[in-house]
């Protein structure tokens, strides 16, 4: 009877210690805490399009939001702002970026150089921070190819119309020829009949 009792006490001490540590950690935790959701981590866009880099952050205190762009051309800081305090937009993006309270930004008139990785860092006043990444792919619209396809289809339509007209004319000509041939054979038959009657 003594051994099982000691085992229960040991388990109770371990569970109690773990519970006490968790409670102490929860009590000593900073009053802050920040979370970040990135609903669309991959965006495909075409040149001259406007894109929304959508995120949603939440925190108990005041937060600082920072966006950076990393590509083969290097790293560029886009914007940094603190809720209700200041907004610092990079000169490169001065007229091309719109910020939103939830941490999202909109880029206007994107170009090929805007492709790459966009990193967001949300830092709470107590020092807690979280990160998110969005990959942006930018594609060119190749107007020359579209123009070629349109011209090719127009050419095919014209050739088809000409062939249809040609076939219709051939059909009409054949029909007229058959009528004339039929009349000629009828008249020669009448002449032969008349000749035989005369004889």
Protein backbone atom coordinates (compact mmCIF):
# COMPACT_ATOMS: atom_id res chain seq x y z
CA UNK A 1 0.00 0.00 0.00
CA UNK A 2 2.90 2.38 0.65
CA UNK A 3 4.42 2.22 -2.83
CA UNK A 4 1.33 3.26 -4.82
CA UNK A 5 0.76 6.14 -2.41
CA UNK A 6 4.28 7.46 -2.99
CA UNK A 7 3.72 7.26 -6.76
CA UNK A 8 0.54 9.34 -6.46
CA UNK A 9 2.33 11.91 -4.32
CA UNK A 10 5.15 12.20 -6.87
CA UNK A 11 2.68 12.73 -9.69
CA UNK A 12 0.85 15.30 -7.60
CA UNK A 13 4.09 17.16 -6.87
CA UNK A 14 5.06 17.18 -10.58
CA UNK A 15 1.61 18.38 -11.69
CA UNK A 16 1.60 20.99 -8.93
CA UNK A 17 5.07 22.24 -9.89
CA UNK A 18 4.15 22.50 -13.60
CA UNK A 19 0.92 24.32 -12.73
CA UNK A 20 2.79 26.70 -10.42
CA UNK A 21 5.41 27.45 -13.13
CA UNK A 22 2.70 28.13 -15.73
CA UNK A 23 0.81 30.38 -13.33
CA UNK A 24 4.00 32.27 -12.43
CA UNK A 25 4.88 32.68 -16.11
CA UNK A 26 1.39 33.97 -16.83
CA UNK A 27 1.56 36.41 -13.91
CA UNK A 28 5.04 37.68 -14.86
CA UNK A 29 4.16 38.01 -18.54
CA UNK A 30 4.27 41.53 -19.92
CA UNK A 31 0.81 43.11 -20.26
CA UNK A 32 1.31 43.19 -24.03
CA UNK A 33 1.22 40.61 -26.77
CA UNK A 34 0.88 41.00 -30.51
CA UNK A 35 -0.59 38.75 -33.19
CA UNK A 36 -0.50 39.03 -36.97
CA UNK A 37 -2.56 37.33 -39.69
CA UNK A 38 -1.49 37.32 -43.37
CA UNK A 39 -4.53 36.04 -45.34
CA UNK A 40 -2.87 36.14 -48.79
CA UNK A 41 0.86 35.33 -48.61
CA UNK A 42 1.29 35.15 -52.41
CA UNK A 43 0.07 37.84 -54.84
CA UNK A 44 0.21 37.81 -58.65
CA UNK A 45 -0.10 41.17 -60.39
CA UNK A 46 0.43 42.73 -63.81
CA UNK A 47 2.35 45.90 -64.58
CA UNK A 48 0.49 49.16 -63.74
CA UNK A 49 -1.95 47.37 -61.42
CA UNK A 50 -2.70 48.45 -57.82
CA UNK A 51 -2.15 45.74 -55.20
CA UNK A 52 -3.21 45.40 -51.58
CA UNK A 53 -0.76 43.77 -49.18
CA UNK A 54 -3.40 42.69 -46.71
CA UNK A 55 -2.64 41.87 -43.06
CA UNK A 56 -4.48 42.10 -39.75
CA UNK A 57 -2.64 42.71 -36.50
CA UNK A 58 -3.89 43.04 -32.95
CA UNK A 59 -2.15 44.05 -29.75
CA UNK A 60 -3.06 45.40 -26.33
CA UNK A 61 -0.80 48.42 -26.42
CA UNK A 62 0.50 50.84 -29.03
CA UNK A 63 2.23 49.19 -31.99
CA UNK A 64 4.84 50.22 -34.54
CA UNK A 65 4.33 48.80 -38.02
CA UNK A 66 7.21 48.57 -40.51
CA UNK A 67 7.16 47.32 -44.12
CA UNK A 68 10.29 46.41 -46.12
CA UNK A 69 10.74 45.23 -49.70
CA UNK A 70 13.49 42.72 -50.51
CA UNK A 71 14.34 41.82 -54.11
CA UNK A 72 17.34 41.17 -56.34
CA UNK A 73 17.82 44.97 -56.47
CA UNK A 74 18.28 45.16 -52.67
CA UNK A 75 16.30 45.97 -49.53
CA UNK A 76 14.14 49.09 -49.30
CA UNK A 77 12.22 50.36 -46.31
CA UNK A 78 8.75 51.31 -47.56
CA UNK A 79 6.97 52.78 -44.54
CA UNK A 80 6.99 52.82 -40.76
CA UNK A 81 4.26 54.17 -38.52
CA UNK A 82 3.21 54.15 -34.90
CA UNK A 83 -0.48 54.03 -34.13
CA UNK A 84 -1.69 57.60 -33.61
CA UNK A 85 1.83 59.11 -33.54
CA UNK A 86 3.72 59.33 -36.81
CA UNK A 87 4.01 58.02 -40.35
CA UNK A 88 7.36 57.82 -42.13
CA UNK A 89 7.09 56.91 -45.84
CA UNK A 90 10.23 56.35 -47.90
CA UNK A 91 10.81 58.90 -50.70
CA UNK A 92 10.76 56.10 -53.29
CA UNK A 93 7.19 55.20 -52.27
CA UNK A 94 5.95 58.71 -51.32
CA UNK A 95 3.14 58.92 -53.92
CA UNK A 96 2.63 55.18 -54.36
CA UNK A 97 1.68 53.81 -50.94
CA UNK A 98 -1.49 54.02 -48.84
CA UNK A 99 -1.51 52.73 -45.25
CA UNK A 100 -4.39 51.25 -43.29
CA UNK A 101 -5.05 50.99 -39.55
CA UNK A 102 -4.99 47.18 -39.58
CA UNK A 103 -1.37 47.22 -40.86
CA UNK A 104 -2.14 46.67 -44.54
CA UNK A 105 -0.65 48.80 -47.30
CA UNK A 106 -1.68 49.41 -50.90
CA UNK A 107 0.90 49.86 -53.64
CA UNK A 108 -0.18 51.87 -56.66
CA UNK A 109 0.98 51.36 -60.25
CA UNK A 110 3.32 48.42 -59.67
CA UNK A 111 6.23 47.73 -61.99
CA UNK A 112 8.63 44.85 -62.56
CA UNK A 113 10.93 46.18 -59.82
CA UNK A 114 8.11 45.77 -57.28
CA UNK A 115 8.30 41.98 -57.49
CA UNK A 116 9.89 40.27 -54.50
CA UNK A 117 9.36 39.73 -50.77
CA UNK A 118 7.48 42.16 -48.54
CA UNK A 119 8.24 41.86 -44.84
CA UNK A 120 6.05 43.37 -42.14
CA UNK A 121 7.21 43.75 -38.55
CA UNK A 122 4.74 44.72 -35.84
CA UNK A 123 6.43 45.74 -32.59
CA UNK A 124 4.42 46.44 -29.47
CA UNK A 125 5.47 49.10 -26.97
CA UNK A 126 6.49 46.41 -24.44
CA UNK A 127 9.00 44.96 -26.92
CA UNK A 128 6.97 42.01 -28.21
CA UNK A 129 7.09 41.71 -31.98
CA UNK A 130 5.84 39.49 -34.78
CA UNK A 131 6.68 39.11 -38.46
CA UNK A 132 4.90 38.34 -41.70
CA UNK A 133 5.90 37.85 -45.34
CA UNK A 134 4.07 38.36 -48.63
CA UNK A 135 5.54 37.30 -51.99
CA UNK A 136 4.58 39.49 -54.95
CA UNK A 137 5.01 38.34 -58.57
CA UNK A 138 4.65 41.02 -61.26
CA UNK A 139 4.09 40.06 -64.91
CA UNK A 140 4.24 42.16 -68.07
CA UNK A 141 1.33 42.26 -70.49
CA UNK A 142 2.88 41.57 -73.88
CA UNK A 143 0.77 43.74 -76.17
CA UNK A 144 2.73 42.73 -79.28
CA UNK A 145 1.60 39.11 -78.87
CA UNK A 146 -2.02 40.15 -78.35
CA UNK A 147 -1.81 42.41 -81.40
CA UNK A 148 -0.38 39.57 -83.50
CA UNK A 149 -3.16 37.20 -82.39
CA UNK A 150 -5.85 39.80 -83.19
CA UNK A 151 -4.38 40.46 -86.66
CA UNK A 152 -4.06 36.72 -87.32
CA UNK A 153 -7.72 36.09 -86.39
CA UNK A 154 -8.83 39.03 -88.56
CA UNK A 155 -6.83 37.57 -91.47
CA UNK A 156 -8.42 34.14 -90.97
CA UNK A 157 -11.90 35.70 -90.86
CA UNK A 158 -11.23 37.59 -94.13
CA UNK A 159 -9.91 34.47 -95.89
CA UNK A 160 -12.92 32.49 -94.66
CA UNK A 161 -15.32 35.17 -95.98
CA UNK A 162 -13.58 35.17 -99.39
CA UNK A 163 -13.71 31.37 -99.60
CA UNK A 164 -17.41 31.33 -98.68
CA UNK A 165 -18.15 33.95 -101.39
CA UNK A 166 -16.10 31.98 -103.94
CA UNK A 167 -17.93 28.75 -103.12
CA UNK A 168 -21.31 30.51 -103.37
CA UNK A 169 -20.37 31.95 -106.80
CA UNK A 170 -19.16 28.54 -108.00
CA UNK A 171 -22.40 26.96 -106.83
CA UNK A 172 -24.49 29.63 -108.63
CA UNK A 173 -22.43 29.26 -111.84
CA UNK A 174 -22.80 25.49 -111.77
CA UNK A 175 -26.54 25.82 -111.25
CA UNK A 176 -26.88 28.26 -114.21
CA UNK A 177 -24.72 26.00 -116.40
CA UNK A 178 -26.90 23.01 -115.57
CA UNK A 179 -30.05 25.00 -116.48
CA UNK A 180 -28.57 26.06 -119.87
CA UNK A 181 -27.42 22.53 -120.59
CA UNK A 182 -30.88 21.23 -119.77
CA UNK A 183 -32.51 23.79 -122.14
CA UNK A 184 -30.06 22.95 -124.95
CA UNK A 185 -30.70 19.23 -124.68
CA UNK A 186 -34.46 19.89 -124.64
CA UNK A 187 -34.27 22.08 -127.80
CA UNK A 188 -32.07 19.59 -129.70
CA UNK A 189 -34.45 16.81 -128.79
CA UNK A 190 -37.33 18.87 -130.19
CA UNK A 191 -35.36 19.53 -133.43
CA UNK A 192 -34.61 15.82 -133.84
CA UNK A 193 -38.27 15.00 -133.30
CA UNK A 194 -39.29 17.64 -135.89
CA UNK A 195 -36.80 16.28 -138.41
CA UNK A 196 -38.08 12.76 -138.01
CA UNK A 197 -41.68 13.98 -138.46
CA UNK A 198 -40.77 15.86 -141.64
CA UNK A 199 -39.10 12.80 -143.09
